[in-house]
Amino acid sequence: PTRRSSDVEERAELAARKLLNFPDPVYGSQLQGLAVPGLKGEGRMRVDYQEEKVTLAGGSVVSLRKPGYSVDGLGYGPLDPRTTLSPRLTPPMIG
């Protein structure tokens, strides 16, 4: 489901691209898969792929994979249905 911004501050952050997703009220904006000893992690991101056949300009048919994101093993209840998910690709560590 699509979620609209809920207040003026959130609308301003969206307009300035400071807010790219709607965080969950319990889990926040970043899911933590690990925890301190004695506590359970928040959950695990899951990526599933759906294959799509695409015909290229030259007539060749190739298979592309479209990712779909979900979360399983949530440790502290379900996500708010209005929460949005996106992957984070970590930058390389050089040096």
N, C-alpha and C. Protein backbone atom coordinates (compact mmCIF):
# COMPACT_ATOMS: atom_id res chain seq x y z
N PRO A 1 0.82 -1.20 0.00
CA PRO A 1 0.00 0.00 0.00
C PRO A 1 0.86 1.26 0.00
N THR A 2 0.38 2.28 -0.66
CA THR A 2 1.09 3.55 -0.71
C THR A 2 0.79 4.33 0.56
N ARG A 3 1.82 4.93 1.11
CA ARG A 3 1.63 5.73 2.31
C ARG A 3 1.99 7.17 1.98
N ARG A 4 1.18 8.08 2.41
CA ARG A 4 1.45 9.51 2.22
C ARG A 4 2.15 10.05 3.46
N SER A 5 2.88 11.14 3.30
CA SER A 5 3.55 11.75 4.45
C SER A 5 2.49 12.20 5.45
N SER A 6 2.84 12.09 6.73
CA SER A 6 1.83 12.34 7.76
C SER A 6 1.90 13.74 8.36
N ASP A 7 2.99 14.48 8.14
CA ASP A 7 3.07 15.82 8.71
C ASP A 7 3.97 16.70 7.85
N VAL A 8 4.03 17.98 8.18
CA VAL A 8 4.80 18.96 7.41
C VAL A 8 6.28 18.60 7.40
N GLU A 9 6.81 18.19 8.54
CA GLU A 9 8.24 17.84 8.63
C GLU A 9 8.57 16.67 7.70
N GLU A 10 7.74 15.65 7.71
CA GLU A 10 7.96 14.49 6.85
C GLU A 10 7.87 14.88 5.37
N ARG A 11 6.92 15.74 5.02
CA ARG A 11 6.80 16.21 3.63
C ARG A 11 8.06 16.96 3.20
N ALA A 12 8.61 17.79 4.08
CA ALA A 12 9.82 18.55 3.76
C ALA A 12 11.01 17.61 3.57
N GLU A 13 11.12 16.58 4.41
CA GLU A 13 12.21 15.61 4.27
C GLU A 13 12.10 14.83 2.97
N LEU A 14 10.88 14.47 2.58
CA LEU A 14 10.67 13.78 1.31
C LEU A 14 11.05 14.69 0.13
N ALA A 15 10.65 15.94 0.19
CA ALA A 15 10.94 16.88 -0.89
C ALA A 15 12.45 17.11 -1.03
N ALA A 16 13.17 17.13 0.09
CA ALA A 16 14.62 17.35 0.07
C ALA A 16 15.39 16.05 -0.13
N ARG A 17 14.67 14.96 -0.30
CA ARG A 17 15.26 13.62 -0.46
C ARG A 17 16.12 13.20 0.75
N LYS A 18 15.79 13.73 1.92
CA LYS A 18 16.44 13.29 3.15
C LYS A 18 15.77 12.03 3.68
N LEU A 19 14.52 11.84 3.29
CA LEU A 19 13.75 10.67 3.68
C LEU A 19 13.36 9.94 2.41
N LEU A 20 13.87 8.72 2.24
CA LEU A 20 13.61 7.97 1.02
C LEU A 20 12.61 6.84 1.25
N ASN A 21 12.41 6.45 2.49
CA ASN A 21 11.47 5.40 2.85
C ASN A 21 10.71 5.81 4.09
N PHE A 22 9.60 5.12 4.34
CA PHE A 22 8.86 5.35 5.57
C PHE A 22 9.30 4.31 6.59
N PRO A 23 9.95 4.73 7.67
CA PRO A 23 10.41 3.77 8.67
C PRO A 23 9.26 3.16 9.46
N ASP A 24 9.53 2.00 10.04
CA ASP A 24 8.55 1.32 10.87
C ASP A 24 8.55 1.95 12.26
N PRO A 25 7.39 2.11 12.90
CA PRO A 25 7.34 2.71 14.23
C PRO A 25 8.09 1.91 15.30
N VAL A 26 8.20 0.59 15.14
CA VAL A 26 8.89 -0.25 16.13
C VAL A 26 10.35 -0.47 15.74
N TYR A 27 10.60 -0.85 14.50
CA TYR A 27 11.94 -1.23 14.06
C TYR A 27 12.77 -0.05 13.56
N GLY A 28 12.15 1.05 13.25
CA GLY A 28 12.88 2.22 12.77
C GLY A 28 13.17 2.13 11.28
N SER A 29 14.22 2.82 10.86
CA SER A 29 14.52 2.90 9.43
C SER A 29 15.55 1.88 8.97
N GLN A 30 16.15 1.16 9.90
CA GLN A 30 17.16 0.17 9.53
C GLN A 30 16.96 -1.09 10.36
N LEU A 31 16.83 -2.22 9.68
CA LEU A 31 16.60 -3.49 10.37
C LEU A 31 17.93 -4.05 10.86
N GLN A 32 17.99 -4.41 12.12
CA GLN A 32 19.21 -4.95 12.71
C GLN A 32 19.06 -6.47 12.83
N GLY A 33 19.83 -7.19 12.05
CA GLY A 33 19.75 -8.65 12.05
C GLY A 33 20.42 -9.29 13.25
N LEU A 34 21.36 -8.59 13.85
CA LEU A 34 22.09 -9.11 15.02
C LEU A 34 21.70 -8.27 16.24
N ALA A 35 22.00 -8.80 17.42
CA ALA A 35 21.67 -8.08 18.64
C ALA A 35 22.77 -8.31 19.67
N VAL A 36 22.66 -7.63 20.78
CA VAL A 36 23.60 -7.85 21.87
C VAL A 36 23.29 -9.20 22.51
N PRO A 37 24.26 -9.81 23.18
CA PRO A 37 24.01 -11.11 23.81
C PRO A 37 22.79 -11.06 24.73
N GLY A 38 21.97 -12.08 24.62
CA GLY A 38 20.77 -12.18 25.45
C GLY A 38 19.51 -11.65 24.79
N LEU A 39 19.66 -10.95 23.68
CA LEU A 39 18.49 -10.44 22.95
C LEU A 39 18.49 -11.01 21.54
N LYS A 40 17.30 -11.07 20.96
CA LYS A 40 17.22 -11.59 19.59
C LYS A 40 17.30 -10.45 18.59
N GLY A 41 17.77 -10.77 17.39
CA GLY A 41 17.81 -9.78 16.32
C GLY A 41 16.41 -9.38 15.91
N GLU A 42 16.32 -8.27 15.17
CA GLU A 42 15.01 -7.79 14.78
C GLU A 42 14.38 -8.62 13.66
N GLY A 43 15.19 -9.16 12.79
CA GLY A 43 14.66 -9.95 11.68
C GLY A 43 15.69 -10.06 10.57
N ARG A 44 15.29 -10.68 9.45
CA ARG A 44 16.20 -10.88 8.32
C ARG A 44 15.55 -10.36 7.05
N MET A 45 16.32 -9.63 6.28
CA MET A 45 15.85 -9.21 4.95
C MET A 45 15.90 -10.41 4.03
N ARG A 46 14.94 -10.50 3.17
CA ARG A 46 14.87 -11.60 2.22
C ARG A 46 14.74 -11.00 0.82
N VAL A 47 15.47 -11.57 -0.11
CA VAL A 47 15.39 -11.14 -1.50
C VAL A 47 14.98 -12.35 -2.33
N ASP A 48 13.88 -12.23 -3.02
CA ASP A 48 13.42 -13.26 -3.96
C ASP A 48 13.42 -12.64 -5.34
N TYR A 49 13.69 -13.46 -6.34
CA TYR A 49 13.76 -12.95 -7.70
C TYR A 49 12.67 -13.56 -8.57
N GLN A 50 12.12 -12.73 -9.42
CA GLN A 50 11.13 -13.18 -10.41
C GLN A 50 11.79 -13.01 -11.78
N GLU A 51 11.88 -14.10 -12.52
CA GLU A 51 12.51 -14.03 -13.84
C GLU A 51 11.53 -13.50 -14.87
N GLU A 52 12.04 -12.62 -15.72
CA GLU A 52 11.25 -12.05 -16.80
C GLU A 52 12.01 -12.22 -18.10
N LYS A 53 11.34 -12.73 -19.11
CA LYS A 53 11.94 -12.86 -20.44
C LYS A 53 11.77 -11.53 -21.17
N VAL A 54 12.86 -11.06 -21.78
CA VAL A 54 12.85 -9.79 -22.50
C VAL A 54 13.44 -10.02 -23.88
N THR A 55 12.79 -9.49 -24.88
CA THR A 55 13.31 -9.59 -26.25
C THR A 55 14.09 -8.31 -26.56
N LEU A 56 15.35 -8.48 -26.91
CA LEU A 56 16.21 -7.34 -27.23
C LEU A 56 15.95 -6.87 -28.66
N ALA A 57 16.49 -5.70 -29.00
CA ALA A 57 16.26 -5.11 -30.33
C ALA A 57 16.69 -6.04 -31.46
N GLY A 58 17.75 -6.82 -31.26
CA GLY A 58 18.23 -7.74 -32.29
C GLY A 58 17.45 -9.03 -32.37
N GLY A 59 16.45 -9.21 -31.51
CA GLY A 59 15.64 -10.42 -31.54
C GLY A 59 16.03 -11.47 -30.52
N SER A 60 17.18 -11.30 -29.88
CA SER A 60 17.60 -12.25 -28.85
C SER A 60 16.68 -12.14 -27.63
N VAL A 61 16.41 -13.27 -27.03
CA VAL A 61 15.60 -13.30 -25.82
C VAL A 61 16.52 -13.59 -24.64
N VAL A 62 16.45 -12.73 -23.64
CA VAL A 62 17.27 -12.91 -22.44
C VAL A 62 16.35 -12.97 -21.23
N SER A 63 16.86 -13.51 -20.16
CA SER A 63 16.12 -13.61 -18.91
C SER A 63 16.71 -12.62 -17.91
N LEU A 64 15.87 -11.74 -17.40
CA LEU A 64 16.29 -10.78 -16.38
C LEU A 64 15.64 -11.16 -15.06
N ARG A 65 16.30 -10.80 -13.97
CA ARG A 65 15.75 -11.10 -12.65
C ARG A 65 15.31 -9.80 -11.97
N LYS A 66 14.05 -9.77 -11.56
CA LYS A 66 13.49 -8.61 -10.85
C LYS A 66 13.44 -8.95 -9.36
N PRO A 67 14.15 -8.17 -8.52
CA PRO A 67 14.15 -8.49 -7.09
C PRO A 67 12.87 -8.06 -6.39
N GLY A 68 12.49 -8.83 -5.38
CA GLY A 68 11.39 -8.49 -4.49
C GLY A 68 11.90 -8.61 -3.07
N TYR A 69 11.58 -7.65 -2.23
CA TYR A 69 12.13 -7.60 -0.87
C TYR A 69 11.05 -7.88 0.16
N SER A 70 11.42 -8.63 1.18
CA SER A 70 10.52 -8.91 2.29
C SER A 70 11.36 -9.13 3.54
N VAL A 71 10.69 -9.27 4.66
CA VAL A 71 11.37 -9.49 5.94
C VAL A 71 10.76 -10.72 6.58
N ASP A 72 11.60 -11.60 7.12
CA ASP A 72 11.06 -12.73 7.88
C ASP A 72 11.79 -12.85 9.21
N GLY A 73 11.26 -13.67 10.08
CA GLY A 73 11.85 -13.86 11.40
C GLY A 73 11.80 -12.62 12.26
N LEU A 74 10.76 -11.82 12.13
CA LEU A 74 10.67 -10.60 12.93
C LEU A 74 10.59 -10.93 14.41
N GLY A 75 11.44 -10.28 15.19
CA GLY A 75 11.54 -10.60 16.61
C GLY A 75 10.60 -9.83 17.51
N TYR A 76 10.01 -8.73 17.01
CA TYR A 76 9.23 -7.87 17.90
C TYR A 76 7.89 -7.47 17.27
N GLY A 77 7.27 -8.42 16.60
CA GLY A 77 5.95 -8.16 16.02
C GLY A 77 6.04 -7.80 14.55
N PRO A 78 4.88 -7.74 13.89
CA PRO A 78 4.85 -7.48 12.44
C PRO A 78 5.22 -6.03 12.12
N LEU A 79 5.66 -5.83 10.87
CA LEU A 79 5.91 -4.47 10.39
C LEU A 79 4.59 -3.74 10.20
N ASP A 80 4.61 -2.45 10.40
CA ASP A 80 3.46 -1.63 10.08
C ASP A 80 3.19 -1.79 8.58
N PRO A 81 1.95 -1.99 8.17
CA PRO A 81 1.68 -2.23 6.74
C PRO A 81 2.09 -1.07 5.84
N ARG A 82 2.29 0.12 6.40
CA ARG A 82 2.68 1.28 5.59
C ARG A 82 4.20 1.44 5.50
N THR A 83 4.95 0.57 6.17
CA THR A 83 6.40 0.64 6.11
C THR A 83 6.88 0.30 4.71
N THR A 84 7.86 1.04 4.22
CA THR A 84 8.43 0.74 2.90
C THR A 84 9.83 0.16 3.08
N LEU A 85 10.22 -0.70 2.15
CA LEU A 85 11.52 -1.36 2.21
C LEU A 85 12.34 -1.01 0.99
N SER A 86 13.64 -0.91 1.18
CA SER A 86 14.55 -0.78 0.04
C SER A 86 15.89 -1.36 0.47
N PRO A 87 16.64 -1.87 -0.49
CA PRO A 87 17.95 -2.44 -0.15
C PRO A 87 18.97 -1.33 0.08
N ARG A 88 19.96 -1.64 0.85
CA ARG A 88 21.09 -0.72 1.02
C ARG A 88 22.32 -1.46 0.55
N LEU A 89 22.97 -0.92 -0.43
CA LEU A 89 24.21 -1.51 -0.91
C LEU A 89 25.35 -0.79 -0.21
N THR A 90 26.11 -1.53 0.55
CA THR A 90 27.19 -0.92 1.31
C THR A 90 28.32 -0.50 0.39
N PRO A 91 28.94 0.63 0.69
CA PRO A 91 30.07 1.06 -0.13
C PRO A 91 31.28 0.16 0.14
N PRO A 92 32.18 0.05 -0.83
CA PRO A 92 33.36 -0.80 -0.62
C PRO A 92 34.29 -0.21 0.43
N MET A 93 34.97 -1.08 1.15
CA MET A 93 35.99 -0.64 2.10
C MET A 93 37.34 -0.76 1.42
N ILE A 94 37.99 0.34 1.24
CA ILE A 94 39.29 0.36 0.57
C ILE A 94 40.36 0.74 1.58
N GLY A 95 41.44 -0.01 1.55
CA GLY A 95 42.57 0.33 2.43
C GLY A 95 42.71 -0.59 3.51
